[in-house]
C-alpha atoms as a PDB file:
ATOM      1  CA  MET A   1     -62.185 -23.178  83.898  1.00  0.00           C
ATOM      2  CA  GLY A   2     -62.682 -24.122  87.505  1.00  0.00           C
ATOM      3  CA  TRP A   3     -65.414 -23.091  89.875  1.00  0.00           C
ATOM      4  CA  SER A   4     -65.962 -23.648  93.579  1.00  0.00           C
ATOM      5  CA  ARG A   5     -68.980 -23.876  95.825  1.00  0.00           C
ATOM      6  CA  PHE A   6     -69.425 -21.672  98.861  1.00  0.00           C
ATOM      7  CA  ASP A   7     -72.255 -22.092 101.306  1.00  0.00           C
ATOM      8  CA  ASP A   8     -74.002 -18.793 101.996  1.00  0.00           C
ATOM      9  CA  GLY A   9     -73.176 -19.359 105.661  1.00  0.00           C
ATOM     10  CA  TYR A  10     -69.430 -19.653 105.000  1.00  0.00           C
ATOM     11  CA  MET A  11     -68.477 -16.315 106.545  1.00  0.00           C
ATOM     12  CA  ASP A  12     -70.647 -17.023 109.618  1.00  0.00           C
ATOM     13  CA  HIS A  13     -69.115 -20.465 110.246  1.00  0.00           C
ATOM     14  CA  PRO A  14     -67.595 -20.634 113.758  1.00  0.00           C
ATOM     15  CA  LYS A  15     -64.183 -21.730 112.420  1.00  0.00           C
ATOM     16  CA  ILE A  16     -64.085 -18.775 110.022  1.00  0.00           C
ATOM     17  CA  MET A  17     -65.291 -16.370 112.714  1.00  0.00           C
ATOM     18  CA  ASP A  18     -62.570 -17.632 115.074  1.00  0.00           C
ATOM     19  CA  ALA A  19     -59.880 -17.368 112.395  1.00  0.00           C
ATOM     20  CA  GLY A  20     -60.424 -13.726 111.456  1.00  0.00           C
ATOM     21  CA  PRO A  21     -60.426 -11.832 108.143  1.00  0.00           C
ATOM     22  CA  TRP A  22     -56.908 -12.572 106.817  1.00  0.00           C
ATOM     23  CA  PRO A  23     -57.133 -16.337 107.375  1.00  0.00           C
ATOM     24  CA  GLU A  24     -60.632 -16.225 105.871  1.00  0.00           C
ATOM     25  CA  LEU A  25     -59.207 -14.638 102.714  1.00  0.00           C
ATOM     26  CA  LEU A  26     -56.426 -17.222 102.591  1.00  0.00           C
ATOM     27  CA  ASP A  27     -58.945 -20.054 103.052  1.00  0.00           C
ATOM     28  CA  ARG A  28     -61.244 -18.679 100.358  1.00  0.00           C
ATOM     29  CA  ARG A  29     -58.335 -18.343  97.937  1.00  0.00           C
ATOM     30  CA  ALA A  30     -57.222 -21.869  98.793  1.00  0.00           C
ATOM     31  CA  ILE A  31     -60.650 -23.265  97.946  1.00  0.00           C
ATOM     32  CA  GLU A  32     -60.692 -21.387  94.624  1.00  0.00           C
ATOM     33  CA  HIS A  33     -57.118 -22.539  93.888  1.00  0.00           C
ATOM     34  CA  CYS A  34     -58.011 -26.179  94.624  1.00  0.00           C
ATOM     35  CA  ALA A  35     -61.064 -25.996  92.383  1.00  0.00           C
ATOM     36  CA  LYS A  36     -59.215 -24.308  89.526  1.00  0.00           C
ATOM     37  CA  TYR A  37     -56.247 -26.671  89.543  1.00  0.00           C
ATOM     38  CA  GLU A  38     -58.297 -29.731  90.574  1.00  0.00           C
ATOM     39  CA  THR A  39     -56.125 -30.638  93.558  1.00  0.00           C
ATOM     40  CA  ASP A  40     -58.990 -32.214  95.547  1.00  0.00           C
ATOM     41  CA  GLY A  41     -58.380 -29.783  98.405  1.00  0.00           C
ATOM     42  CA  PHE A  42     -54.576 -30.023  98.554  1.00  0.00           C
ATOM     43  CA  VAL A  43     -52.573 -26.790  98.844  1.00  0.00           C
ATOM     44  CA  SER A  44     -48.882 -27.208  98.043  1.00  0.00           C
ATOM     45  CA  ARG A  45     -46.150 -24.861  99.231  1.00  0.00           C
ATOM     46  CA  SER A  46     -45.930 -23.338  95.737  1.00  0.00           C
ATOM     47  CA  GLY A  47     -49.722 -22.965  95.723  1.00  0.00           C
ATOM     48  CA  LEU A  48     -49.506 -21.191  99.063  1.00  0.00           C
ATOM     49  CA  ARG A  49     -47.059 -18.671  97.584  1.00  0.00           C
ATOM     50  CA  ARG A  50     -49.575 -17.964  94.814  1.00  0.00           C
ATOM     51  CA  ILE A  51     -52.656 -17.628  97.013  1.00  0.00           C
ATOM     52  CA  GLY A  52     -50.841 -15.873  99.853  1.00  0.00           C
ATOM     53  CA  ARG A  53     -49.795 -12.864  97.832  1.00  0.00           C
ATOM     54  CA  ASP A  54     -50.565  -9.533  99.490  1.00  0.00           C
ATOM     55  CA  ILE A  55     -51.635 -11.265 102.719  1.00  0.00           C
ATOM     56  CA  PRO A  56     -49.415 -10.212 105.623  1.00  0.00           C
ATOM     57  CA  LYS A  57     -47.795 -12.912 107.782  1.00  0.00           C
ATOM     58  CA  VAL A  58     -48.973 -15.866 105.680  1.00  0.00           C
ATOM     59  CA  SER A  59     -47.219 -18.400 107.946  1.00  0.00           C
ATOM     60  CA  GLN A  60     -49.213 -17.153 110.938  1.00  0.00           C
ATOM     61  CA  ARG A  61     -52.442 -17.309 108.905  1.00  0.00           C
ATOM     62  CA  VAL A  62     -51.715 -20.947 108.013  1.00  0.00           C
ATOM     63  CA  LEU A  63     -51.124 -21.782 111.687  1.00  0.00           C
ATOM     64  CA  THR A  64     -54.433 -20.092 112.533  1.00  0.00           C
ATOM     65  CA  LEU A  65     -56.292 -22.140 109.913  1.00  0.00           C
ATOM     66  CA  LEU A  66     -54.657 -25.302 111.279  1.00  0.00           C
ATOM     67  CA  ALA A  67     -55.566 -24.336 114.847  1.00  0.00           C
ATOM     68  CA  VAL A  68     -59.261 -23.718 114.074  1.00  0.00           C
ATOM     69  CA  GLY A  69     -59.524 -26.880 111.958  1.00  0.00           C
ATOM     70  CA  ARG A  70     -60.069 -25.333 108.520  1.00  0.00           C
ATOM     71  CA  TRP A  71     -56.834 -26.826 107.181  1.00  0.00           C
ATOM     72  CA  GLU A  72     -55.051 -30.072 107.982  1.00  0.00           C
ATOM     73  CA  ALA A  73     -51.318 -30.739 107.564  1.00  0.00           C
ATOM     74  CA  HIS A  74     -50.758 -33.218 104.743  1.00  0.00           C
ATOM     75  CA  GLY A  75     -47.318 -34.273 103.505  1.00  0.00           C
ATOM     76  CA  ASP A  76     -45.561 -31.259 102.017  1.00  0.00           C
ATOM     77  CA  GLY A  77     -48.638 -29.056 102.137  1.00  0.00           C
ATOM     78  CA  TRP A  78     -52.140 -28.808 103.558  1.00  0.00           C
ATOM     79  CA  MET A  79     -55.639 -30.104 102.897  1.00  0.00           C
ATOM     80  CA  VAL A  80     -58.674 -27.828 103.049  1.00  0.00           C
ATOM     81  CA  HIS A  81     -61.034 -29.473 105.527  1.00  0.00           C
ATOM     82  CA  ASP A  82     -64.175 -30.926 103.862  1.00  0.00           C
ATOM     83  CA  PHE A  83     -63.214 -29.603 100.411  1.00  0.00           C
ATOM     84  CA  LEU A  84     -64.581 -32.734  98.706  1.00  0.00           C
ATOM     85  CA  LYS A  85     -67.767 -32.568 100.757  1.00  0.00           C
ATOM     86  CA  PHE A  86     -68.757 -29.370  98.933  1.00  0.00           C
ATOM     87  CA  ASN A  87     -66.806 -29.597  95.642  1.00  0.00           C
ATOM     88  CA  PRO A  88     -66.489 -32.351  93.041  1.00  0.00           C
ATOM     89  CA  SER A  89     -63.258 -34.338  92.881  1.00  0.00           C
ATOM     90  CA  LYS A  90     -60.911 -34.286  89.913  1.00  0.00           C
ATOM     91  CA  VAL A  91     -62.066 -37.795  88.964  1.00  0.00           C
ATOM     92  CA  ALA A  92     -65.730 -36.721  89.074  1.00  0.00           C
ATOM     93  CA  LYS A  93     -65.006 -33.652  86.921  1.00  0.00           C
ATOM     94  CA  GLU A  94     -63.134 -35.759  84.358  1.00  0.00           C
ATOM     95  CA  ALA A  95     -65.989 -38.283  84.248  1.00  0.00           C
ATOM     96  CA  ASP A  96     -68.484 -35.439  83.789  1.00  0.00           C
ATOM     97  CA  ARG A  97     -66.395 -33.947  80.956  1.00  0.00           C
ATOM     98  CA  GLU A  98     -66.151 -37.345  79.244  1.00  0.00           C
ATOM     99  CA  GLU A  99     -69.899 -37.874  79.581  1.00  0.00           C
ATOM    100  CA  ASN A 100     -70.535 -34.419  78.074  1.00  0.00           C
ATOM    101  CA  ARG A 101     -68.085 -35.070  75.220  1.00  0.00           C
ATOM    102  CA  GLU A 102     -69.820 -38.340  74.373  1.00  0.00           C
ATOM    103  CA  ARG A 103     -73.299 -36.795  74.569  1.00  0.00           C
ATOM    104  CA  GLN A 104     -72.233 -33.899  72.332  1.00  0.00           C
ATOM    105  CA  ARG A 105     -70.475 -36.243  69.895  1.00  0.00           C
ATOM    106  CA  ALA A 106     -73.623 -38.375  69.594  1.00  0.00           C
ATOM    107  CA  HIS A 107     -75.754 -35.278  69.032  1.00  0.00           C
ATOM    108  CA  ARG A 108     -73.406 -33.950  66.348  1.00  0.00           C
ATOM    109  CA  GLU A 109     -73.431 -37.347  64.669  1.00  0.00           C
ATOM    110  CA  LYS A 110     -77.233 -37.237  64.519  1.00  0.00           C
ATOM    111  CA  LEU A 111     -77.057 -33.789  62.919  1.00  0.00           C
ATOM    112  CA  ARG A 112     -74.613 -35.045  60.297  1.00  0.00           C
ATOM    113  CA  ASN A 113     -77.060 -37.831  59.460  1.00  0.00           C
ATOM    114  CA  GLY A 114     -79.911 -35.393  58.838  1.00  0.00           C
ATOM    115  CA  VAL A 115     -81.877 -36.001  62.040  1.00  0.00           C
ATOM    116  CA  THR A 116     -83.603 -32.771  63.019  1.00  0.00           C
ATOM    117  CA  ASN A 117     -85.589 -31.393  65.924  1.00  0.00           C
ATOM    118  CA  GLU A 118     -83.924 -33.599  68.523  1.00  0.00           C
ATOM    119  CA  VAL A 119     -84.264 -32.798  72.188  1.00  0.00           C
ATOM    120  CA  VAL A 120     -80.853 -32.137  73.713  1.00  0.00           C
ATOM    121  CA  THR A 121     -79.997 -31.961  77.395  1.00  0.00           C
ATOM    122  CA  ASN A 122     -77.028 -30.427  79.102  1.00  0.00           C
ATOM    123  CA  GLY A 123     -76.421 -33.689  80.947  1.00  0.00           C
ATOM    124  CA  ARG A 124     -78.225 -32.532  84.063  1.00  0.00           C
ATOM    125  CA  GLY A 125     -81.826 -32.873  82.963  1.00  0.00           C
ATOM    126  CA  ASN A 126     -82.301 -29.394  81.517  1.00  0.00           C
ATOM    127  CA  ARG A 127     -83.967 -29.977  78.180  1.00  0.00           C
ATOM    128  CA  GLU A 128     -84.125 -27.653  75.236  1.00  0.00           C
ATOM    129  CA  ARG A 129     -85.341 -28.182  71.726  1.00  0.00           C
ATOM    130  CA  VAL A 130     -82.664 -27.684  69.117  1.00  0.00           C
ATOM    131  CA  VAL A 131     -83.575 -27.271  65.480  1.00  0.00           C
ATOM    132  CA  SER A 132     -80.873 -28.558  63.209  1.00  0.00           C
ATOM    133  CA  PRO A 133     -79.240 -26.001  60.927  1.00  0.00           C
ATOM    134  CA  LYS A 134     -79.673 -28.561  58.131  1.00  0.00           C
ATOM    135  CA  ILE A 135     -83.346 -27.904  57.427  1.00  0.00           C
ATOM    136  CA  ILE A 136     -84.596 -30.368  54.853  1.00  0.00           C
ATOM    137  CA  GLU A 137     -86.811 -28.634  52.271  1.00  0.00           C
ATOM    138  CA  ARG A 138     -87.968 -29.299  48.737  1.00  0.00           C
ATOM    139  CA  CYS A 139     -86.881 -27.155  45.817  1.00  0.00           C
ATOM    140  CA  ARG A 140     -89.707 -24.934  44.563  1.00  0.00           C
ATOM    141  CA  ARG A 141     -88.689 -25.536  40.929  1.00  0.00           C
ATOM    142  CA  CYS A 142     -87.963 -29.253  40.612  1.00  0.00           C
ATOM    143  CA  GLU A 143     -89.585 -30.586  43.831  1.00  0.00           C
ATOM    144  CA  ARG A 144     -86.457 -32.608  44.689  1.00  0.00           C
ATOM    145  CA  LEU A 145     -84.981 -32.417  48.205  1.00  0.00           C
ATOM    146  CA  SER A 146     -83.006 -29.196  48.490  1.00  0.00           C
ATOM    147  CA  MET A 147     -79.799 -31.114  49.230  1.00  0.00           C
ATOM    148  CA  ASP A 148     -80.188 -33.057  45.936  1.00  0.00           C
ATOM    149  CA  CYS A 149     -81.248 -30.094  43.811  1.00  0.00           C
ATOM    150  CA  ASP A 150     -78.977 -28.650  41.103  1.00  0.00           C
ATOM    151  CA  CYS A 151     -81.159 -25.609  40.407  1.00  0.00           C
ATOM    152  CA  PRO A 152     -79.611 -22.143  40.929  1.00  0.00           C
ATOM    153  CA  PRO A 153     -80.897 -20.377  44.041  1.00  0.00           C
ATOM    154  CA  LEU A 154     -84.016 -18.230  43.780  1.00  0.00           C
ATOM    155  CA  GLY A 155     -84.058 -14.589  44.593  1.00  0.00           C
ATOM    156  CA  LEU A 156     -82.425 -12.832  41.632  1.00  0.00           C
ATOM    157  CA  VAL A 157     -84.456 -10.196  39.788  1.00  0.00           C
ATOM    158  CA  GLY A 158     -86.249 -11.714  36.811  1.00  0.00           C
ATOM    159  CA  GLU A 159     -86.087 -15.323  38.035  1.00  0.00           C
ATOM    160  CA  GLN A 160     -89.193 -17.376  38.387  1.00  0.00           C
END
């Protein structure tokens, strides 16, 4: 799932104010489209058909965005100006996903090996203590480790 960053001053930006409400909607949709499909700010003609739905006179809105400098002509489409200044690139997102996969794989491997109470981060410095679901206890009957015990489980009426 993609996400995009918007500065809280986006709607007050002079280029957006000069463009007007319909081009602003088209620009906002373009940014969300680029984030979702990881195009690094590129809007293709087919992408424009998708994001331009229900916006009257889409061609005029594109010309307006070009005129105010929000979009730039690029090959067979357009680039959203400064998209990569505020949003991560496709390469950065893939690297982040790979880093997260490796971190999670290493953590799961520790759990499989019986390591408990490890501190896990989300890759961005947020730490939380995670208690492994494999709690190592001793059997109350034979005193062996619970994972090595052959005793039937306690809790039935009449059992000691």
